[in-house]
Amino acid sequence: MTKTTIRNAATVIMLRDKSSDPKILMGQRGASAAFMPNKFVFPGGALDDSDHLVSLATPLADQCMARLRTKTAANLAEPLILAAIREVWEETGLLIGQPSDQAKDQIVPENWQSFFANGVLPSGAGMRFVFRAVTPPGRPRRFDARFFLLDAEQIVGDADDFSHACDELSHLEWIPISKARGYDLPFITEVVLAEVEAELNDPDRHARVPYFFNEEGRSNFWRL
């Protein structure tokens, strides 16, 4: 049996109203999708070659960058953050970055041009690396996914405007965390939600980042 290639990927958990009724942004994958059909997921996707060709205006905080680089090739950290930002733009039409008069003058790969055309530079300011998981063997597609947490206040523009989203995710909505488990979620998404809830209950805990993966037929849990 052919071994499925594991692709690097990035996902963003966007959080709003965290002091009152915390909500997260999710959308539903299509019924014909090869990976997790019909499931409600956070926006995200695979690292693209073009993500190595774009500059990040601001990296994550030092501790997050160090954890992101742990057991990851040194040259992948910033491209993974950029992949997260690009996927959010493509799948939701929301911009993560900082407004800049210089953005429209940047020479960037084709699949980044529409992002920069909005006068925004991609930035990791306010973003935190909170989770990592590798898709178990036996799935049609496998990803080594890094999950980033971001407050919706970091979104440039209207956080409810999904008019520029592609059609990969439908039913985009801000879902109260208290109701999210009533949706059809992948198992790993439920695990990530538990981490987010723990973060909300104790924002000063600064726990090490959970890392789930399979090796030699066994499930492993580390903290980075």
C-alpha atoms as a PDB file:
ATOM      1  CA  MET A   1       0.000   0.000   0.000  1.00  0.00           C
ATOM      2  CA  THR A   2       1.344   3.436  -0.945  1.00  0.00           C
ATOM      3  CA  LYS A   3       2.262   5.594   2.002  1.00  0.00           C
ATOM      4  CA  THR A   4       0.310   8.873   2.088  1.00  0.00           C
ATOM      5  CA  THR A   5       2.533  11.957   2.043  1.00  0.00           C
ATOM      6  CA  ILE A   6       2.158  14.157   5.100  1.00  0.00           C
ATOM      7  CA  ARG A   7       1.791  17.806   4.073  1.00  0.00           C
ATOM      8  CA  ASN A   8       2.535  20.770   6.316  1.00  0.00           C
ATOM      9  CA  ALA A   9      -0.575  22.803   7.046  1.00  0.00           C
ATOM     10  CA  ALA A  10      -1.844  25.701   9.139  1.00  0.00           C
ATOM     11  CA  THR A  11      -5.194  26.479  10.748  1.00  0.00           C
ATOM     12  CA  VAL A  12      -6.522  29.578  12.501  1.00  0.00           C
ATOM     13  CA  ILE A  13      -8.922  29.622  15.435  1.00  0.00           C
ATOM     14  CA  MET A  14     -10.415  33.114  15.432  1.00  0.00           C
ATOM     15  CA  LEU A  15     -12.043  34.161  18.662  1.00  0.00           C
ATOM     16  CA  ARG A  16     -14.409  37.051  19.393  1.00  0.00           C
ATOM     17  CA  ASP A  17     -16.446  38.304  22.360  1.00  0.00           C
ATOM     18  CA  LYS A  18     -14.140  36.342  24.672  1.00  0.00           C
ATOM     19  CA  SER A  19     -15.082  38.360  27.756  1.00  0.00           C
ATOM     20  CA  SER A  20     -18.838  37.839  27.319  1.00  0.00           C
ATOM     21  CA  ASP A  21     -20.030  35.051  25.026  1.00  0.00           C
ATOM     22  CA  PRO A  22     -16.917  33.617  23.294  1.00  0.00           C
ATOM     23  CA  LYS A  23     -17.415  32.674  19.652  1.00  0.00           C
ATOM     24  CA  ILE A  24     -15.206  30.959  17.088  1.00  0.00           C
ATOM     25  CA  LEU A  25     -15.334  31.172  13.300  1.00  0.00           C
ATOM     26  CA  MET A  26     -16.096  27.892  11.514  1.00  0.00           C
ATOM     27  CA  GLY A  27     -17.409  26.725   8.171  1.00  0.00           C
ATOM     28  CA  GLN A  28     -18.651  23.461   6.682  1.00  0.00           C
ATOM     29  CA  ARG A  29     -16.637  21.434   4.188  1.00  0.00           C
ATOM     30  CA  GLY A  30     -18.453  20.170   1.108  1.00  0.00           C
ATOM     31  CA  ALA A  31     -20.073  16.740   0.906  1.00  0.00           C
ATOM     32  CA  SER A  32     -17.733  15.750  -1.944  1.00  0.00           C
ATOM     33  CA  ALA A  33     -14.528  16.881  -0.201  1.00  0.00           C
ATOM     34  CA  ALA A  34     -11.847  14.171  -0.085  1.00  0.00           C
ATOM     35  CA  PHE A  35     -10.821  15.228   3.422  1.00  0.00           C
ATOM     36  CA  MET A  36     -13.384  15.495   6.230  1.00  0.00           C
ATOM     37  CA  PRO A  37     -16.533  15.882   4.074  1.00  0.00           C
ATOM     38  CA  ASN A  38     -19.460  17.709   5.707  1.00  0.00           C
ATOM     39  CA  LYS A  39     -17.456  18.504   8.830  1.00  0.00           C
ATOM     40  CA  PHE A  40     -17.414  21.939  10.442  1.00  0.00           C
ATOM     41  CA  VAL A  41     -13.812  23.130  10.672  1.00  0.00           C
ATOM     42  CA  PHE A  42     -11.655  26.166  11.324  1.00  0.00           C
ATOM     43  CA  PRO A  43     -10.286  27.913   8.214  1.00  0.00           C
ATOM     44  CA  GLY A  44      -6.929  26.521   7.142  1.00  0.00           C
ATOM     45  CA  GLY A  45      -5.084  24.403   4.625  1.00  0.00           C
ATOM     46  CA  ALA A  46      -1.793  23.164   3.256  1.00  0.00           C
ATOM     47  CA  LEU A  47       1.424  25.128   3.041  1.00  0.00           C
ATOM     48  CA  ASP A  48       2.012  26.399  -0.505  1.00  0.00           C
ATOM     49  CA  ASP A  49       5.369  26.999  -2.200  1.00  0.00           C
ATOM     50  CA  SER A  50       4.371  30.638  -2.599  1.00  0.00           C
ATOM     51  CA  ASP A  51       4.231  31.078   1.176  1.00  0.00           C
ATOM     52  CA  HIS A  52       8.041  30.913   1.194  1.00  0.00           C
ATOM     53  CA  LEU A  53       8.180  33.908  -1.150  1.00  0.00           C
ATOM     54  CA  VAL A  54       6.232  36.405   0.970  1.00  0.00           C
ATOM     55  CA  SER A  55       7.546  38.405   3.922  1.00  0.00           C
ATOM     56  CA  LEU A  56       5.823  38.496   7.293  1.00  0.00           C
ATOM     57  CA  ALA A  57       5.513  42.046   8.643  1.00  0.00           C
ATOM     58  CA  THR A  58       5.589  40.879  12.270  1.00  0.00           C
ATOM     59  CA  PRO A  59       6.372  37.407  13.647  1.00  0.00           C
ATOM     60  CA  LEU A  60       4.713  35.770  16.631  1.00  0.00           C
ATOM     61  CA  ALA A  61       5.975  36.520  20.140  1.00  0.00           C
ATOM     62  CA  ASP A  62       9.388  34.998  20.889  1.00  0.00           C
ATOM     63  CA  GLN A  63       8.051  32.126  23.002  1.00  0.00           C
ATOM     64  CA  CYS A  64       5.507  31.140  20.351  1.00  0.00           C
ATOM     65  CA  MET A  65       8.111  31.302  17.596  1.00  0.00           C
ATOM     66  CA  ALA A  66      10.444  29.088  19.623  1.00  0.00           C
ATOM     67  CA  ARG A  67       7.698  26.509  20.177  1.00  0.00           C
ATOM     68  CA  LEU A  68       6.676  26.643  16.516  1.00  0.00           C
ATOM     69  CA  ARG A  69      10.272  25.912  15.499  1.00  0.00           C
ATOM     70  CA  THR A  70      10.530  22.940  17.878  1.00  0.00           C
ATOM     71  CA  LYS A  71      10.689  19.717  15.816  1.00  0.00           C
ATOM     72  CA  THR A  72      10.081  21.804  12.688  1.00  0.00           C
ATOM     73  CA  ALA A  73      12.571  22.769   9.995  1.00  0.00           C
ATOM     74  CA  ALA A  74      13.923  26.229  10.794  1.00  0.00           C
ATOM     75  CA  ASN A  75      12.852  27.635   7.424  1.00  0.00           C
ATOM     76  CA  LEU A  76       9.206  26.567   7.860  1.00  0.00           C
ATOM     77  CA  ALA A  77       8.085  28.686  10.821  1.00  0.00           C
ATOM     78  CA  GLU A  78       7.279  31.955   9.058  1.00  0.00           C
ATOM     79  CA  PRO A  79       5.871  30.262   5.911  1.00  0.00           C
ATOM     80  CA  LEU A  80       3.459  28.320   8.153  1.00  0.00           C
ATOM     81  CA  ILE A  81       2.194  31.566   9.677  1.00  0.00           C
ATOM     82  CA  LEU A  82       1.825  33.005   6.183  1.00  0.00           C
ATOM     83  CA  ALA A  83      -0.042  29.890   5.034  1.00  0.00           C
ATOM     84  CA  ALA A  84      -2.473  30.387   7.917  1.00  0.00           C
ATOM     85  CA  ILE A  85      -3.075  34.018   6.942  1.00  0.00           C
ATOM     86  CA  ARG A  86      -3.477  33.186   3.245  1.00  0.00           C
ATOM     87  CA  GLU A  87      -5.924  30.350   3.927  1.00  0.00           C
ATOM     88  CA  VAL A  88      -8.066  32.596   6.120  1.00  0.00           C
ATOM     89  CA  TRP A  89      -8.213  35.153   3.299  1.00  0.00           C
ATOM     90  CA  GLU A  90      -9.086  32.541   0.671  1.00  0.00           C
ATOM     91  CA  GLU A  91     -11.664  30.633   2.716  1.00  0.00           C
ATOM     92  CA  THR A  92     -13.318  33.496   4.635  1.00  0.00           C
ATOM     93  CA  GLY A  93     -12.385  36.733   2.864  1.00  0.00           C
ATOM     94  CA  LEU A  94     -11.002  38.127   6.140  1.00  0.00           C
ATOM     95  CA  LEU A  95      -7.662  39.915   6.302  1.00  0.00           C
ATOM     96  CA  ILE A  96      -5.106  39.275   9.042  1.00  0.00           C
ATOM     97  CA  GLY A  97      -2.335  41.854   9.003  1.00  0.00           C
ATOM     98  CA  GLN A  98      -1.570  45.537   9.195  1.00  0.00           C
ATOM     99  CA  PRO A  99      -2.686  48.271   6.789  1.00  0.00           C
ATOM    100  CA  SER A 100       0.193  49.747   4.798  1.00  0.00           C
ATOM    101  CA  ASP A 101       0.482  52.167   1.892  1.00  0.00           C
ATOM    102  CA  GLN A 102       3.339  50.003   0.603  1.00  0.00           C
ATOM    103  CA  ALA A 103       1.337  46.782   0.365  1.00  0.00           C
ATOM    104  CA  LYS A 104      -0.084  47.440  -3.104  1.00  0.00           C
ATOM    105  CA  ASP A 105       3.420  48.033  -4.460  1.00  0.00           C
ATOM    106  CA  GLN A 106       4.739  44.645  -3.351  1.00  0.00           C
ATOM    107  CA  ILE A 107       5.675  42.073  -5.986  1.00  0.00           C
ATOM    108  CA  VAL A 108       4.169  38.821  -4.717  1.00  0.00           C
ATOM    109  CA  PRO A 109       3.098  35.407  -6.107  1.00  0.00           C
ATOM    110  CA  GLU A 110      -0.215  35.246  -7.954  1.00  0.00           C
ATOM    111  CA  ASN A 111      -2.176  33.613  -5.156  1.00  0.00           C
ATOM    112  CA  TRP A 112      -1.121  36.420  -2.788  1.00  0.00           C
ATOM    113  CA  GLN A 113      -1.935  39.323  -5.100  1.00  0.00           C
ATOM    114  CA  SER A 114      -5.579  39.738  -4.064  1.00  0.00           C
ATOM    115  CA  PHE A 115      -4.545  39.880  -0.397  1.00  0.00           C
ATOM    116  CA  PHE A 116      -1.947  42.616  -0.934  1.00  0.00           C
ATOM    117  CA  ALA A 117      -4.314  44.510  -3.240  1.00  0.00           C
ATOM    118  CA  ASN A 118      -6.321  45.395  -0.131  1.00  0.00           C
ATOM    119  CA  GLY A 119      -3.428  47.477   1.187  1.00  0.00           C
ATOM    120  CA  VAL A 120      -2.569  45.024   3.961  1.00  0.00           C
ATOM    121  CA  LEU A 121       0.708  43.350   4.904  1.00  0.00           C
ATOM    122  CA  PRO A 122       0.390  39.857   6.478  1.00  0.00           C
ATOM    123  CA  SER A 123       1.301  39.976  10.162  1.00  0.00           C
ATOM    124  CA  GLY A 124       1.479  37.513  13.030  1.00  0.00           C
ATOM    125  CA  ALA A 125       0.889  40.238  15.633  1.00  0.00           C
ATOM    126  CA  GLY A 126      -1.448  38.929  18.322  1.00  0.00           C
ATOM    127  CA  MET A 127      -1.382  35.387  16.917  1.00  0.00           C
ATOM    128  CA  ARG A 128      -0.435  32.474  19.178  1.00  0.00           C
ATOM    129  CA  PHE A 129       0.707  28.949  18.309  1.00  0.00           C
ATOM    130  CA  VAL A 130      -1.496  26.704  20.467  1.00  0.00           C
ATOM    131  CA  PHE A 131      -1.717  23.196  18.992  1.00  0.00           C
ATOM    132  CA  ARG A 132      -0.143  20.739  16.557  1.00  0.00           C
ATOM    133  CA  ALA A 133      -1.541  17.463  15.236  1.00  0.00           C
ATOM    134  CA  VAL A 134      -0.685  14.985  12.497  1.00  0.00           C
ATOM    135  CA  THR A 135      -3.523  13.201  10.687  1.00  0.00           C
ATOM    136  CA  PRO A 136      -3.475   9.484  11.644  1.00  0.00           C
ATOM    137  CA  PRO A 137      -2.472   6.838   9.060  1.00  0.00           C
ATOM    138  CA  GLY A 138      -5.135   5.383   6.809  1.00  0.00           C
ATOM    139  CA  ARG A 139      -6.720   8.693   5.796  1.00  0.00           C
ATOM    140  CA  PRO A 140      -6.866   9.708   2.109  1.00  0.00           C
ATOM    141  CA  ARG A 141      -4.922  12.853   2.992  1.00  0.00           C
ATOM    142  CA  ARG A 142      -2.583  13.528   5.874  1.00  0.00           C
ATOM    143  CA  PHE A 143      -1.474  16.846   7.305  1.00  0.00           C
ATOM    144  CA  ASP A 144       0.951  18.041   9.936  1.00  0.00           C
ATOM    145  CA  ALA A 145      -1.239  20.924  11.062  1.00  0.00           C
ATOM    146  CA  ARG A 146      -0.271  23.835  13.274  1.00  0.00           C
ATOM    147  CA  PHE A 147      -3.143  25.676  14.950  1.00  0.00           C
ATOM    148  CA  PHE A 148      -2.959  29.395  15.687  1.00  0.00           C
ATOM    149  CA  LEU A 149      -5.275  31.351  18.009  1.00  0.00           C
ATOM    150  CA  LEU A 150      -6.176  34.922  17.116  1.00  0.00           C
ATOM    151  CA  ASP A 151      -8.528  37.490  18.608  1.00  0.00           C
ATOM    152  CA  ALA A 152     -10.958  38.875  16.028  1.00  0.00           C
ATOM    153  CA  GLU A 153      -9.795  42.383  16.951  1.00  0.00           C
ATOM    154  CA  GLN A 154      -6.727  41.681  14.797  1.00  0.00           C
ATOM    155  CA  ILE A 155      -8.889  41.311  11.671  1.00  0.00           C
ATOM    156  CA  VAL A 156      -8.606  44.254   9.291  1.00  0.00           C
ATOM    157  CA  GLY A 157     -12.126  45.363   8.356  1.00  0.00           C
ATOM    158  CA  ASP A 158     -15.528  43.843   9.070  1.00  0.00           C
ATOM    159  CA  ALA A 159     -15.280  40.444  10.792  1.00  0.00           C
ATOM    160  CA  ASP A 160     -18.757  39.563   9.486  1.00  0.00           C
ATOM    161  CA  ASP A 161     -18.006  40.271   5.825  1.00  0.00           C
ATOM    162  CA  PHE A 162     -17.431  36.935   4.058  1.00  0.00           C
ATOM    163  CA  SER A 163     -18.239  38.303   0.589  1.00  0.00           C
ATOM    164  CA  HIS A 164     -14.708  37.651  -0.716  1.00  0.00           C
ATOM    165  CA  ALA A 165     -14.548  34.040   0.460  1.00  0.00           C
ATOM    166  CA  CYS A 166     -14.078  31.184  -1.986  1.00  0.00           C
ATOM    167  CA  ASP A 167     -16.599  28.326  -1.958  1.00  0.00           C
ATOM    168  CA  GLU A 168     -14.453  25.797  -0.089  1.00  0.00           C
ATOM    169  CA  LEU A 169     -16.307  26.405   3.181  1.00  0.00           C
ATOM    170  CA  SER A 170     -20.042  27.037   3.377  1.00  0.00           C
ATOM    171  CA  HIS A 171     -22.156  28.257   6.295  1.00  0.00           C
ATOM    172  CA  LEU A 172     -19.374  30.451   7.639  1.00  0.00           C
ATOM    173  CA  GLU A 173     -20.475  31.683  11.030  1.00  0.00           C
ATOM    174  CA  TRP A 174     -19.296  32.812  14.423  1.00  0.00           C
ATOM    175  CA  ILE A 175     -20.378  29.931  16.659  1.00  0.00           C
ATOM    176  CA  PRO A 176     -20.625  30.275  20.450  1.00  0.00           C
ATOM    177  CA  ILE A 177     -18.091  27.881  21.957  1.00  0.00           C
ATOM    178  CA  SER A 178     -20.791  26.654  24.308  1.00  0.00           C
ATOM    179  CA  LYS A 179     -22.758  25.367  21.276  1.00  0.00           C
ATOM    180  CA  ALA A 180     -19.916  24.255  18.990  1.00  0.00           C
ATOM    181  CA  ARG A 181     -19.988  20.608  20.061  1.00  0.00           C
ATOM    182  CA  GLY A 182     -23.528  20.382  18.721  1.00  0.00           C
ATOM    183  CA  TYR A 183     -22.055  20.657  15.216  1.00  0.00           C
ATOM    184  CA  ASP A 184     -20.512  17.829  13.194  1.00  0.00           C
ATOM    185  CA  LEU A 185     -16.865  18.273  14.186  1.00  0.00           C
ATOM    186  CA  PRO A 186     -13.731  16.230  13.501  1.00  0.00           C
ATOM    187  CA  PHE A 187     -12.348  14.584  16.636  1.00  0.00           C
ATOM    188  CA  ILE A 188      -9.195  16.710  16.643  1.00  0.00           C
ATOM    189  CA  THR A 189     -11.288  19.883  16.451  1.00  0.00           C
ATOM    190  CA  GLU A 190     -13.063  18.846  19.648  1.00  0.00           C
ATOM    191  CA  VAL A 191      -9.674  18.371  21.311  1.00  0.00           C
ATOM    192  CA  VAL A 192      -8.527  21.810  20.155  1.00  0.00           C
ATOM    193  CA  LEU A 193     -11.744  23.368  21.443  1.00  0.00           C
ATOM    194  CA  ALA A 194     -11.015  21.945  24.891  1.00  0.00           C
ATOM    195  CA  GLU A 195      -7.611  23.679  24.801  1.00  0.00           C
ATOM    196  CA  VAL A 196      -9.216  26.984  23.782  1.00  0.00           C
ATOM    197  CA  GLU A 197     -11.748  26.710  26.606  1.00  0.00           C
ATOM    198  CA  ALA A 198      -8.944  26.028  29.083  1.00  0.00           C
ATOM    199  CA  GLU A 199      -7.188  29.124  27.756  1.00  0.00           C
ATOM    200  CA  LEU A 200     -10.295  31.236  28.283  1.00  0.00           C
ATOM    201  CA  ASN A 201     -10.752  29.946  31.827  1.00  0.00           C
ATOM    202  CA  ASP A 202      -7.110  30.614  32.700  1.00  0.00           C
ATOM    203  CA  PRO A 203      -5.576  33.157  30.284  1.00  0.00           C
ATOM    204  CA  ASP A 204      -2.333  33.350  32.284  1.00  0.00           C
ATOM    205  CA  ARG A 205      -1.530  29.645  32.195  1.00  0.00           C
ATOM    206  CA  HIS A 206       0.798  29.835  29.125  1.00  0.00           C
ATOM    207  CA  ALA A 207       0.752  26.047  28.823  1.00  0.00           C
ATOM    208  CA  ARG A 208       3.164  24.289  26.505  1.00  0.00           C
ATOM    209  CA  VAL A 209       1.726  23.425  23.097  1.00  0.00           C
ATOM    210  CA  PRO A 210       0.062  19.978  22.736  1.00  0.00           C
ATOM    211  CA  TYR A 211       1.418  17.858  19.874  1.00  0.00           C
ATOM    212  CA  PHE A 212      -0.454  14.725  18.743  1.00  0.00           C
ATOM    213  CA  PHE A 213       1.040  12.295  16.234  1.00  0.00           C
ATOM    214  CA  ASN A 214       1.246   8.592  15.349  1.00  0.00           C
ATOM    215  CA  GLU A 215       4.506   6.711  15.166  1.00  0.00           C
ATOM    216  CA  GLU A 216       5.122   2.992  14.713  1.00  0.00           C
ATOM    217  CA  GLY A 217       1.412   2.276  15.143  1.00  0.00           C
ATOM    218  CA  ARG A 218       1.103   4.168  18.418  1.00  0.00           C
ATOM    219  CA  SER A 219      -0.577   7.455  19.278  1.00  0.00           C
ATOM    220  CA  ASN A 220       1.774   9.927  20.946  1.00  0.00           C
ATOM    221  CA  PHE A 221       1.153  13.078  22.934  1.00  0.00           C
ATOM    222  CA  TRP A 222       3.943  15.553  23.558  1.00  0.00           C
ATOM    223  CA  ARG A 223       4.061  19.163  24.703  1.00  0.00           C
ATOM    224  CA  LEU A 224       6.320  21.519  22.795  1.00  0.00           C
END
